[in-house]
mmCIF file of all heavy atoms, coordinates in Angstrom:
data_MODEL
# 
_entry.id   MODEL 
# 
loop_
_atom_site.group_PDB 
_atom_site.id 
_atom_site.type_symbol 
_atom_site.label_atom_id 
_atom_site.label_alt_id 
_atom_site.label_comp_id 
_atom_site.label_asym_id 
_atom_site.label_entity_id 
_atom_site.label_seq_id 
_atom_site.pdbx_PDB_ins_code 
_atom_site.Cartn_x 
_atom_site.Cartn_y 
_atom_site.Cartn_z 
_atom_site.occupancy 
_atom_site.B_iso_or_equiv 
_atom_site.pdbx_formal_charge 
_atom_site.auth_seq_id 
_atom_site.auth_comp_id 
_atom_site.auth_asym_id 
_atom_site.auth_atom_id 
_atom_site.pdbx_PDB_model_num 
ATOM 1   N N   . ALA A 1 1  ? 118.381 -37.854 52.243 1.00 0.00 ? 1  ALA A N   1 
ATOM 2   C CA  . ALA A 1 1  ? 117.187 -38.010 53.054 1.00 0.00 ? 1  ALA A CA  1 
ATOM 3   C C   . ALA A 1 1  ? 117.388 -38.930 54.244 1.00 0.00 ? 1  ALA A C   1 
ATOM 4   O O   . ALA A 1 1  ? 116.878 -38.642 55.357 1.00 0.00 ? 1  ALA A O   1 
ATOM 5   C CB  . ALA A 1 1  ? 116.002 -38.557 52.147 1.00 0.00 ? 1  ALA A CB  1 
ATOM 6   N N   . ALA A 1 2  ? 118.127 -39.994 54.023 1.00 0.00 ? 2  ALA A N   1 
ATOM 7   C CA  . ALA A 1 2  ? 118.396 -40.939 55.089 1.00 0.00 ? 2  ALA A CA  1 
ATOM 8   C C   . ALA A 1 2  ? 119.298 -40.261 56.245 1.00 0.00 ? 2  ALA A C   1 
ATOM 9   O O   . ALA A 1 2  ? 119.053 -40.472 57.414 1.00 0.00 ? 2  ALA A O   1 
ATOM 10  C CB  . ALA A 1 2  ? 119.131 -42.172 54.645 1.00 0.00 ? 2  ALA A CB  1 
ATOM 11  N N   . ALA A 1 3  ? 120.220 -39.430 55.836 1.00 0.00 ? 3  ALA A N   1 
ATOM 12  C CA  . ALA A 1 3  ? 121.066 -38.691 56.787 1.00 0.00 ? 3  ALA A CA  1 
ATOM 13  C C   . ALA A 1 3  ? 120.243 -37.687 57.561 1.00 0.00 ? 3  ALA A C   1 
ATOM 14  O O   . ALA A 1 3  ? 120.403 -37.493 58.773 1.00 0.00 ? 3  ALA A O   1 
ATOM 15  C CB  . ALA A 1 3  ? 122.226 -38.044 56.054 1.00 0.00 ? 3  ALA A CB  1 
ATOM 16  N N   . ALA A 1 4  ? 119.257 -37.043 56.886 1.00 0.00 ? 4  ALA A N   1 
ATOM 17  C CA  . ALA A 1 4  ? 118.405 -36.119 57.507 1.00 0.00 ? 4  ALA A CA  1 
ATOM 18  C C   . ALA A 1 4  ? 117.491 -36.754 58.571 1.00 0.00 ? 4  ALA A C   1 
ATOM 19  O O   . ALA A 1 4  ? 117.163 -36.138 59.561 1.00 0.00 ? 4  ALA A O   1 
ATOM 20  C CB  . ALA A 1 4  ? 117.544 -35.319 56.495 1.00 0.00 ? 4  ALA A CB  1 
ATOM 21  N N   . LEU A 1 5  ? 117.183 -38.021 58.321 1.00 0.00 ? 5  LEU A N   1 
ATOM 22  C CA  . LEU A 1 5  ? 116.345 -38.777 59.346 1.00 0.00 ? 5  LEU A CA  1 
ATOM 23  C C   . LEU A 1 5  ? 117.199 -39.326 60.407 1.00 0.00 ? 5  LEU A C   1 
ATOM 24  O O   . LEU A 1 5  ? 116.610 -39.892 61.336 1.00 0.00 ? 5  LEU A O   1 
ATOM 25  C CB  . LEU A 1 5  ? 115.564 -39.915 58.583 1.00 0.00 ? 5  LEU A CB  1 
ATOM 26  C CG  . LEU A 1 5  ? 114.522 -39.430 57.578 1.00 0.00 ? 5  LEU A CG  1 
ATOM 27  C CD1 . LEU A 1 5  ? 113.970 -40.653 56.862 1.00 0.00 ? 5  LEU A CD1 1 
ATOM 28  C CD2 . LEU A 1 5  ? 113.374 -38.662 58.311 1.00 0.00 ? 5  LEU A CD2 1 
ATOM 29  N N   . GLY A 1 6  ? 118.463 -39.204 60.386 1.00 0.00 ? 6  GLY A N   1 
ATOM 30  C CA  . GLY A 1 6  ? 119.348 -39.739 61.428 1.00 0.00 ? 6  GLY A CA  1 
ATOM 31  C C   . GLY A 1 6  ? 119.554 -41.190 61.359 1.00 0.00 ? 6  GLY A C   1 
ATOM 32  O O   . GLY A 1 6  ? 119.934 -41.782 62.411 1.00 0.00 ? 6  GLY A O   1 
ATOM 33  N N   . LEU A 1 7  ? 119.422 -41.883 60.240 1.00 0.00 ? 7  LEU A N   1 
ATOM 34  C CA  . LEU A 1 7  ? 119.601 -43.325 60.163 1.00 0.00 ? 7  LEU A CA  1 
ATOM 35  C C   . LEU A 1 7  ? 121.151 -43.613 60.166 1.00 0.00 ? 7  LEU A C   1 
ATOM 36  O O   . LEU A 1 7  ? 121.945 -42.830 59.593 1.00 0.00 ? 7  LEU A O   1 
ATOM 37  C CB  . LEU A 1 7  ? 119.010 -43.816 58.847 1.00 0.00 ? 7  LEU A CB  1 
ATOM 38  C CG  . LEU A 1 7  ? 117.517 -43.681 58.656 1.00 0.00 ? 7  LEU A CG  1 
ATOM 39  C CD1 . LEU A 1 7  ? 117.018 -44.204 57.366 1.00 0.00 ? 7  LEU A CD1 1 
ATOM 40  C CD2 . LEU A 1 7  ? 116.736 -44.329 59.863 1.00 0.00 ? 7  LEU A CD2 1 
ATOM 41  N N   . GLY A 1 8  ? 121.484 -44.697 60.769 1.00 0.00 ? 8  GLY A N   1 
ATOM 42  C CA  . GLY A 1 8  ? 122.870 -45.106 60.818 1.00 0.00 ? 8  GLY A CA  1 
ATOM 43  C C   . GLY A 1 8  ? 123.401 -45.592 59.503 1.00 0.00 ? 8  GLY A C   1 
ATOM 44  O O   . GLY A 1 8  ? 122.598 -45.918 58.612 1.00 0.00 ? 8  GLY A O   1 
ATOM 45  N N   . ARG A 1 9  ? 124.751 -45.673 59.337 1.00 0.00 ? 9  ARG A N   1 
ATOM 46  C CA  . ARG A 1 9  ? 125.290 -46.023 58.057 1.00 0.00 ? 9  ARG A CA  1 
ATOM 47  C C   . ARG A 1 9  ? 124.945 -47.473 57.637 1.00 0.00 ? 9  ARG A C   1 
ATOM 48  O O   . ARG A 1 9  ? 124.727 -47.796 56.518 1.00 0.00 ? 9  ARG A O   1 
ATOM 49  C CB  . ARG A 1 9  ? 126.801 -45.893 58.120 1.00 0.00 ? 9  ARG A CB  1 
ATOM 50  C CG  . ARG A 1 9  ? 127.307 -44.438 58.329 1.00 0.00 ? 9  ARG A CG  1 
ATOM 51  C CD  . ARG A 1 9  ? 128.810 -44.303 58.347 1.00 0.00 ? 9  ARG A CD  1 
ATOM 52  N NE  . ARG A 1 9  ? 129.288 -44.682 57.012 1.00 0.00 ? 9  ARG A NE  1 
ATOM 53  C CZ  . ARG A 1 9  ? 130.625 -44.742 56.733 1.00 0.00 ? 9  ARG A CZ  1 
ATOM 54  N NH1 . ARG A 1 9  ? 131.475 -44.358 57.693 1.00 0.00 ? 9  ARG A NH1 1 
ATOM 55  N NH2 . ARG A 1 9  ? 131.025 -45.097 55.504 1.00 0.00 ? 9  ARG A NH2 1 
ATOM 56  N N   . TRP A 1 10 ? 125.029 -48.394 58.685 1.00 0.00 ? 10 TRP A N   1 
ATOM 57  C CA  . TRP A 1 10 ? 124.693 -49.815 58.364 1.00 0.00 ? 10 TRP A CA  1 
ATOM 58  C C   . TRP A 1 10 ? 123.193 -49.929 57.972 1.00 0.00 ? 10 TRP A C   1 
ATOM 59  O O   . TRP A 1 10 ? 122.940 -50.623 57.034 1.00 0.00 ? 10 TRP A O   1 
ATOM 60  C CB  . TRP A 1 10 ? 125.046 -50.628 59.546 1.00 0.00 ? 10 TRP A CB  1 
ATOM 61  C CG  . TRP A 1 10 ? 124.524 -52.056 59.427 1.00 0.00 ? 10 TRP A CG  1 
ATOM 62  C CD1 . TRP A 1 10 ? 123.527 -52.711 60.089 1.00 0.00 ? 10 TRP A CD1 1 
ATOM 63  C CD2 . TRP A 1 10 ? 125.008 -53.024 58.455 1.00 0.00 ? 10 TRP A CD2 1 
ATOM 64  N NE1 . TRP A 1 10 ? 123.389 -53.964 59.645 1.00 0.00 ? 10 TRP A NE1 1 
ATOM 65  C CE2 . TRP A 1 10 ? 124.292 -54.195 58.663 1.00 0.00 ? 10 TRP A CE2 1 
ATOM 66  C CE3 . TRP A 1 10 ? 126.079 -52.988 57.528 1.00 0.00 ? 10 TRP A CE3 1 
ATOM 67  C CZ2 . TRP A 1 10 ? 124.506 -55.363 57.872 1.00 0.00 ? 10 TRP A CZ2 1 
ATOM 68  C CZ3 . TRP A 1 10 ? 126.274 -54.191 56.747 1.00 0.00 ? 10 TRP A CZ3 1 
ATOM 69  C CH2 . TRP A 1 10 ? 125.515 -55.337 56.952 1.00 0.00 ? 10 TRP A CH2 1 
ATOM 70  N N   . ARG A 1 11 ? 122.304 -49.251 58.632 1.00 0.00 ? 11 ARG A N   1 
ATOM 71  C CA  . ARG A 1 11 ? 120.908 -49.317 58.230 1.00 0.00 ? 11 ARG A CA  1 
ATOM 72  C C   . ARG A 1 11 ? 120.664 -48.665 56.865 1.00 0.00 ? 11 ARG A C   1 
ATOM 73  O O   . ARG A 1 11 ? 119.863 -49.169 56.102 1.00 0.00 ? 11 ARG A O   1 
ATOM 74  C CB  . ARG A 1 11 ? 120.028 -48.621 59.308 1.00 0.00 ? 11 ARG A CB  1 
ATOM 75  C CG  . ARG A 1 11 ? 118.610 -48.872 59.140 1.00 0.00 ? 11 ARG A CG  1 
ATOM 76  C CD  . ARG A 1 11 ? 117.789 -48.312 60.295 1.00 0.00 ? 11 ARG A CD  1 
ATOM 77  N NE  . ARG A 1 11 ? 116.339 -48.581 60.108 1.00 0.00 ? 11 ARG A NE  1 
ATOM 78  C CZ  . ARG A 1 11 ? 115.419 -48.092 60.914 1.00 0.00 ? 11 ARG A CZ  1 
ATOM 79  N NH1 . ARG A 1 11 ? 115.754 -47.343 61.939 1.00 0.00 ? 11 ARG A NH1 1 
ATOM 80  N NH2 . ARG A 1 11 ? 114.171 -48.453 60.730 1.00 0.00 ? 11 ARG A NH2 1 
ATOM 81  N N   . VAL A 1 12 ? 121.351 -47.580 56.575 1.00 0.00 ? 12 VAL A N   1 
ATOM 82  C CA  . VAL A 1 12 ? 121.227 -46.905 55.240 1.00 0.00 ? 12 VAL A CA  1 
ATOM 83  C C   . VAL A 1 12 ? 121.696 -47.911 54.143 1.00 0.00 ? 12 VAL A C   1 
ATOM 84  O O   . VAL A 1 12 ? 121.057 -48.090 53.106 1.00 0.00 ? 12 VAL A O   1 
ATOM 85  C CB  . VAL A 1 12 ? 122.001 -45.663 55.265 1.00 0.00 ? 12 VAL A CB  1 
ATOM 86  C CG1 . VAL A 1 12 ? 122.045 -45.077 53.772 1.00 0.00 ? 12 VAL A CG1 1 
ATOM 87  C CG2 . VAL A 1 12 ? 121.356 -44.611 56.129 1.00 0.00 ? 12 VAL A CG2 1 
ATOM 88  N N   . LEU A 1 13 ? 122.833 -48.558 54.445 1.00 0.00 ? 13 LEU A N   1 
ATOM 89  C CA  . LEU A 1 13 ? 123.333 -49.558 53.480 1.00 0.00 ? 13 LEU A CA  1 
ATOM 90  C C   . LEU A 1 13 ? 122.412 -50.732 53.288 1.00 0.00 ? 13 LEU A C   1 
ATOM 91  O O   . LEU A 1 13 ? 122.164 -51.084 52.073 1.00 0.00 ? 13 LEU A O   1 
ATOM 92  C CB  . LEU A 1 13 ? 124.726 -50.051 53.906 1.00 0.00 ? 13 LEU A CB  1 
ATOM 93  C CG  . LEU A 1 13 ? 125.419 -51.024 53.033 1.00 0.00 ? 13 LEU A CG  1 
ATOM 94  C CD1 . LEU A 1 13 ? 125.844 -50.430 51.722 1.00 0.00 ? 13 LEU A CD1 1 
ATOM 95  C CD2 . LEU A 1 13 ? 126.639 -51.593 53.734 1.00 0.00 ? 13 LEU A CD2 1 
ATOM 96  N N   . ARG A 1 14 ? 121.857 -51.242 54.337 1.00 0.00 ? 14 ARG A N   1 
ATOM 97  C CA  . ARG A 1 14 ? 121.047 -52.422 54.248 1.00 0.00 ? 14 ARG A CA  1 
ATOM 98  C C   . ARG A 1 14 ? 119.644 -52.170 53.699 1.00 0.00 ? 14 ARG A C   1 
ATOM 99  O O   . ARG A 1 14 ? 119.098 -53.016 52.975 1.00 0.00 ? 14 ARG A O   1 
ATOM 100 C CB  . ARG A 1 14 ? 120.965 -53.070 55.620 1.00 0.00 ? 14 ARG A CB  1 
ATOM 101 C CG  . ARG A 1 14 ? 120.201 -54.381 55.712 1.00 0.00 ? 14 ARG A CG  1 
ATOM 102 C CD  . ARG A 1 14 ? 120.378 -55.070 57.038 1.00 0.00 ? 14 ARG A CD  1 
ATOM 103 N NE  . ARG A 1 14 ? 119.932 -54.162 58.196 1.00 0.00 ? 14 ARG A NE  1 
ATOM 104 C CZ  . ARG A 1 14 ? 118.614 -54.098 58.661 1.00 0.00 ? 14 ARG A CZ  1 
ATOM 105 N NH1 . ARG A 1 14 ? 117.769 -54.943 58.153 1.00 0.00 ? 14 ARG A NH1 1 
ATOM 106 N NH2 . ARG A 1 14 ? 118.370 -53.327 59.634 1.00 0.00 ? 14 ARG A NH2 1 
ATOM 107 N N   . ARG A 1 15 ? 118.979 -51.037 54.101 1.00 0.00 ? 15 ARG A N   1 
ATOM 108 C CA  . ARG A 1 15 ? 117.635 -50.789 53.741 1.00 0.00 ? 15 ARG A CA  1 
ATOM 109 C C   . ARG A 1 15 ? 117.427 -49.866 52.587 1.00 0.00 ? 15 ARG A C   1 
ATOM 110 O O   . ARG A 1 15 ? 116.433 -49.815 52.008 1.00 0.00 ? 15 ARG A O   1 
ATOM 111 C CB  . ARG A 1 15 ? 116.917 -50.228 54.924 1.00 0.00 ? 15 ARG A CB  1 
ATOM 112 C CG  . ARG A 1 15 ? 116.897 -51.070 56.230 1.00 0.00 ? 15 ARG A CG  1 
ATOM 113 C CD  . ARG A 1 15 ? 116.260 -52.423 55.923 1.00 0.00 ? 15 ARG A CD  1 
ATOM 114 N NE  . ARG A 1 15 ? 114.891 -52.264 55.586 1.00 0.00 ? 15 ARG A NE  1 
ATOM 115 C CZ  . ARG A 1 15 ? 113.863 -52.189 56.481 1.00 0.00 ? 15 ARG A CZ  1 
ATOM 116 N NH1 . ARG A 1 15 ? 114.170 -52.293 57.822 1.00 0.00 ? 15 ARG A NH1 1 
ATOM 117 N NH2 . ARG A 1 15 ? 112.623 -52.035 56.076 1.00 0.00 ? 15 ARG A NH2 1 
ATOM 118 N N   . ILE A 1 16 ? 118.441 -49.111 52.195 1.00 0.00 ? 16 ILE A N   1 
ATOM 119 C CA  . ILE A 1 16 ? 118.262 -48.154 51.152 1.00 0.00 ? 16 ILE A CA  1 
ATOM 120 C C   . ILE A 1 16 ? 119.228 -48.422 49.920 1.00 0.00 ? 16 ILE A C   1 
ATOM 121 O O   . ILE A 1 16 ? 118.766 -48.517 48.786 1.00 0.00 ? 16 ILE A O   1 
ATOM 122 C CB  . ILE A 1 16 ? 118.528 -46.696 51.688 1.00 0.00 ? 16 ILE A CB  1 
ATOM 123 C CG1 . ILE A 1 16 ? 117.447 -46.382 52.729 1.00 0.00 ? 16 ILE A CG1 1 
ATOM 124 C CG2 . ILE A 1 16 ? 118.439 -45.701 50.523 1.00 0.00 ? 16 ILE A CG2 1 
ATOM 125 C CD1 . ILE A 1 16 ? 117.593 -45.025 53.339 1.00 0.00 ? 16 ILE A CD1 1 
ATOM 126 N N   . VAL A 1 17 ? 120.532 -48.464 50.198 1.00 0.00 ? 17 VAL A N   1 
ATOM 127 C CA  . VAL A 1 17 ? 121.506 -48.584 49.138 1.00 0.00 ? 17 VAL A CA  1 
ATOM 128 C C   . VAL A 1 17 ? 121.445 -49.960 48.497 1.00 0.00 ? 17 VAL A C   1 
ATOM 129 O O   . VAL A 1 17 ? 121.272 -50.095 47.220 1.00 0.00 ? 17 VAL A O   1 
ATOM 130 C CB  . VAL A 1 17 ? 122.964 -48.342 49.682 1.00 0.00 ? 17 VAL A CB  1 
ATOM 131 C CG1 . VAL A 1 17 ? 123.909 -48.567 48.594 1.00 0.00 ? 17 VAL A CG1 1 
ATOM 132 C CG2 . VAL A 1 17 ? 123.019 -46.904 50.179 1.00 0.00 ? 17 VAL A CG2 1 
ATOM 133 N N   . VAL A 1 18 ? 121.515 -51.086 49.290 1.00 0.00 ? 18 VAL A N   1 
ATOM 134 C CA  . VAL A 1 18 ? 121.586 -52.396 48.645 1.00 0.00 ? 18 VAL A CA  1 
ATOM 135 C C   . VAL A 1 18 ? 120.278 -52.711 47.845 1.00 0.00 ? 18 VAL A C   1 
ATOM 136 O O   . VAL A 1 18 ? 120.415 -53.137 46.716 1.00 0.00 ? 18 VAL A O   1 
ATOM 137 C CB  . VAL A 1 18 ? 121.851 -53.439 49.720 1.00 0.00 ? 18 VAL A CB  1 
ATOM 138 C CG1 . VAL A 1 18 ? 121.699 -54.891 49.152 1.00 0.00 ? 18 VAL A CG1 1 
ATOM 139 C CG2 . VAL A 1 18 ? 123.255 -53.251 50.286 1.00 0.00 ? 18 VAL A CG2 1 
ATOM 140 N N   . PRO A 1 19 ? 119.077 -52.537 48.419 1.00 0.00 ? 19 PRO A N   1 
ATOM 141 C CA  . PRO A 1 19 ? 117.928 -52.884 47.574 1.00 0.00 ? 19 PRO A CA  1 
ATOM 142 C C   . PRO A 1 19 ? 117.791 -52.149 46.238 1.00 0.00 ? 19 PRO A C   1 
ATOM 143 O O   . PRO A 1 19 ? 117.389 -52.726 45.279 1.00 0.00 ? 19 PRO A O   1 
ATOM 144 C CB  . PRO A 1 19 ? 116.718 -52.511 48.491 1.00 0.00 ? 19 PRO A CB  1 
ATOM 145 C CG  . PRO A 1 19 ? 117.280 -52.557 49.888 1.00 0.00 ? 19 PRO A CG  1 
ATOM 146 C CD  . PRO A 1 19 ? 118.684 -52.128 49.763 1.00 0.00 ? 19 PRO A CD  1 
ATOM 147 N N   . GLN A 1 20 ? 118.159 -50.863 46.231 1.00 0.00 ? 20 GLN A N   1 
ATOM 148 C CA  . GLN A 1 20 ? 118.084 -50.117 44.988 1.00 0.00 ? 20 GLN A CA  1 
ATOM 149 C C   . GLN A 1 20 ? 119.290 -50.420 44.086 1.00 0.00 ? 20 GLN A C   1 
ATOM 150 O O   . GLN A 1 20 ? 119.091 -50.503 42.840 1.00 0.00 ? 20 GLN A O   1 
ATOM 151 C CB  . GLN A 1 20 ? 118.132 -48.621 45.341 1.00 0.00 ? 20 GLN A CB  1 
ATOM 152 C CG  . GLN A 1 20 ? 116.874 -48.164 46.057 1.00 0.00 ? 20 GLN A CG  1 
ATOM 153 C CD  . GLN A 1 20 ? 116.832 -46.635 46.222 1.00 0.00 ? 20 GLN A CD  1 
ATOM 154 O OE1 . GLN A 1 20 ? 116.809 -45.885 45.239 1.00 0.00 ? 20 GLN A OE1 1 
ATOM 155 N NE2 . GLN A 1 20 ? 116.810 -46.187 47.462 1.00 0.00 ? 20 GLN A NE2 1 
ATOM 156 N N   . ALA A 1 21 ? 120.422 -50.638 44.631 1.00 0.00 ? 21 ALA A N   1 
ATOM 157 C CA  . ALA A 1 21 ? 121.557 -51.095 43.817 1.00 0.00 ? 21 ALA A CA  1 
ATOM 158 C C   . ALA A 1 21 ? 121.398 -52.417 43.201 1.00 0.00 ? 21 ALA A C   1 
ATOM 159 O O   . ALA A 1 21 ? 121.854 -52.698 42.048 1.00 0.00 ? 21 ALA A O   1 
ATOM 160 C CB  . ALA A 1 21 ? 122.847 -51.067 44.657 1.00 0.00 ? 21 ALA A CB  1 
ATOM 161 N N   . MET A 1 22 ? 120.668 -53.346 43.848 1.00 0.00 ? 22 MET A N   1 
ATOM 162 C CA  . MET A 1 22 ? 120.484 -54.659 43.337 1.00 0.00 ? 22 MET A CA  1 
ATOM 163 C C   . MET A 1 22 ? 119.663 -54.632 42.010 1.00 0.00 ? 22 MET A C   1 
ATOM 164 O O   . MET A 1 22 ? 119.813 -55.522 41.145 1.00 0.00 ? 22 MET A O   1 
ATOM 165 C CB  . MET A 1 22 ? 119.779 -55.541 44.303 1.00 0.00 ? 22 MET A CB  1 
ATOM 166 C CG  . MET A 1 22 ? 120.670 -55.935 45.526 1.00 0.00 ? 22 MET A CG  1 
ATOM 167 S SD  . MET A 1 22 ? 122.167 -56.833 45.022 1.00 0.00 ? 22 MET A SD  1 
ATOM 168 C CE  . MET A 1 22 ? 121.374 -58.412 44.559 1.00 0.00 ? 22 MET A CE  1 
ATOM 169 N N   . ARG A 1 23 ? 118.855 -53.611 41.808 1.00 0.00 ? 23 ARG A N   1 
ATOM 170 C CA  . ARG A 1 23 ? 118.106 -53.539 40.560 1.00 0.00 ? 23 ARG A CA  1 
ATOM 171 C C   . ARG A 1 23 ? 118.998 -53.353 39.375 1.00 0.00 ? 23 ARG A C   1 
ATOM 172 O O   . ARG A 1 23 ? 118.683 -53.828 38.229 1.00 0.00 ? 23 ARG A O   1 
ATOM 173 C CB  . ARG A 1 23 ? 117.088 -52.323 40.642 1.00 0.00 ? 23 ARG A CB  1 
ATOM 174 C CG  . ARG A 1 23 ? 116.036 -52.521 41.663 1.00 0.00 ? 23 ARG A CG  1 
ATOM 175 C CD  . ARG A 1 23 ? 115.232 -51.186 41.768 1.00 0.00 ? 23 ARG A CD  1 
ATOM 176 N NE  . ARG A 1 23 ? 114.301 -51.254 42.894 1.00 0.00 ? 23 ARG A NE  1 
ATOM 177 C CZ  . ARG A 1 23 ? 113.571 -50.265 43.344 1.00 0.00 ? 23 ARG A CZ  1 
ATOM 178 N NH1 . ARG A 1 23 ? 113.721 -49.044 42.734 1.00 0.00 ? 23 ARG A NH1 1 
ATOM 179 N NH2 . ARG A 1 23 ? 112.764 -50.396 44.348 1.00 0.00 ? 23 ARG A NH2 1 
ATOM 180 N N   . ALA A 1 24 ? 120.120 -52.730 39.582 1.00 0.00 ? 24 ALA A N   1 
ATOM 181 C CA  . ALA A 1 24 ? 121.121 -52.483 38.501 1.00 0.00 ? 24 ALA A CA  1 
ATOM 182 C C   . ALA A 1 24 ? 122.128 -53.610 38.496 1.00 0.00 ? 24 ALA A C   1 
ATOM 183 O O   . ALA A 1 24 ? 122.671 -53.971 37.465 1.00 0.00 ? 24 ALA A O   1 
ATOM 184 C CB  . ALA A 1 24 ? 121.869 -51.200 38.644 1.00 0.00 ? 24 ALA A CB  1 
ATOM 185 N N   . ILE A 1 25 ? 122.381 -54.282 39.644 1.00 0.00 ? 25 ILE A N   1 
ATOM 186 C CA  . ILE A 1 25 ? 123.371 -55.314 39.753 1.00 0.00 ? 25 ILE A CA  1 
ATOM 187 C C   . ILE A 1 25 ? 122.921 -56.634 39.199 1.00 0.00 ? 25 ILE A C   1 
ATOM 188 O O   . ILE A 1 25 ? 123.651 -57.379 38.478 1.00 0.00 ? 25 ILE A O   1 
ATOM 189 C CB  . ILE A 1 25 ? 123.874 -55.453 41.163 1.00 0.00 ? 25 ILE A CB  1 
ATOM 190 C CG1 . ILE A 1 25 ? 124.645 -54.191 41.626 1.00 0.00 ? 25 ILE A CG1 1 
ATOM 191 C CG2 . ILE A 1 25 ? 124.758 -56.699 41.379 1.00 0.00 ? 25 ILE A CG2 1 
ATOM 192 C CD1 . ILE A 1 25 ? 125.023 -54.217 43.034 1.00 0.00 ? 25 ILE A CD1 1 
ATOM 193 N N   . VAL A 1 26 ? 121.636 -57.010 39.551 1.00 0.00 ? 26 VAL A N   1 
ATOM 194 C CA  . VAL A 1 26 ? 121.168 -58.363 39.222 1.00 0.00 ? 26 VAL A CA  1 
ATOM 195 C C   . VAL A 1 26 ? 121.215 -58.756 37.765 1.00 0.00 ? 26 VAL A C   1 
ATOM 196 O O   . VAL A 1 26 ? 121.650 -59.752 37.308 1.00 0.00 ? 26 VAL A O   1 
ATOM 197 C CB  . VAL A 1 26 ? 119.725 -58.627 39.818 1.00 0.00 ? 26 VAL A CB  1 
ATOM 198 C CG1 . VAL A 1 26 ? 119.134 -59.855 39.243 1.00 0.00 ? 26 VAL A CG1 1 
ATOM 199 C CG2 . VAL A 1 26 ? 119.869 -58.672 41.311 1.00 0.00 ? 26 VAL A CG2 1 
ATOM 200 N N   . PRO A 1 27 ? 120.680 -57.823 36.841 1.00 0.00 ? 27 PRO A N   1 
ATOM 201 C CA  . PRO A 1 27 ? 120.736 -58.245 35.376 1.00 0.00 ? 27 PRO A CA  1 
ATOM 202 C C   . PRO A 1 27 ? 122.142 -58.478 34.897 1.00 0.00 ? 27 PRO A C   1 
ATOM 203 O O   . PRO A 1 27 ? 122.403 -59.454 34.237 1.00 0.00 ? 27 PRO A O   1 
ATOM 204 C CB  . PRO A 1 27 ? 120.062 -56.995 34.731 1.00 0.00 ? 27 PRO A CB  1 
ATOM 205 C CG  . PRO A 1 27 ? 119.269 -56.362 35.733 1.00 0.00 ? 27 PRO A CG  1 
ATOM 206 C CD  . PRO A 1 27 ? 120.018 -56.573 37.001 1.00 0.00 ? 27 PRO A CD  1 
# 
């Protein structure tokens, strides 16, 4: 979905991947 919206890789990593991955990483 992020690629379809034309978001850059750094923005996808910072705004989409990291916040969702942290839910699994933090515990």
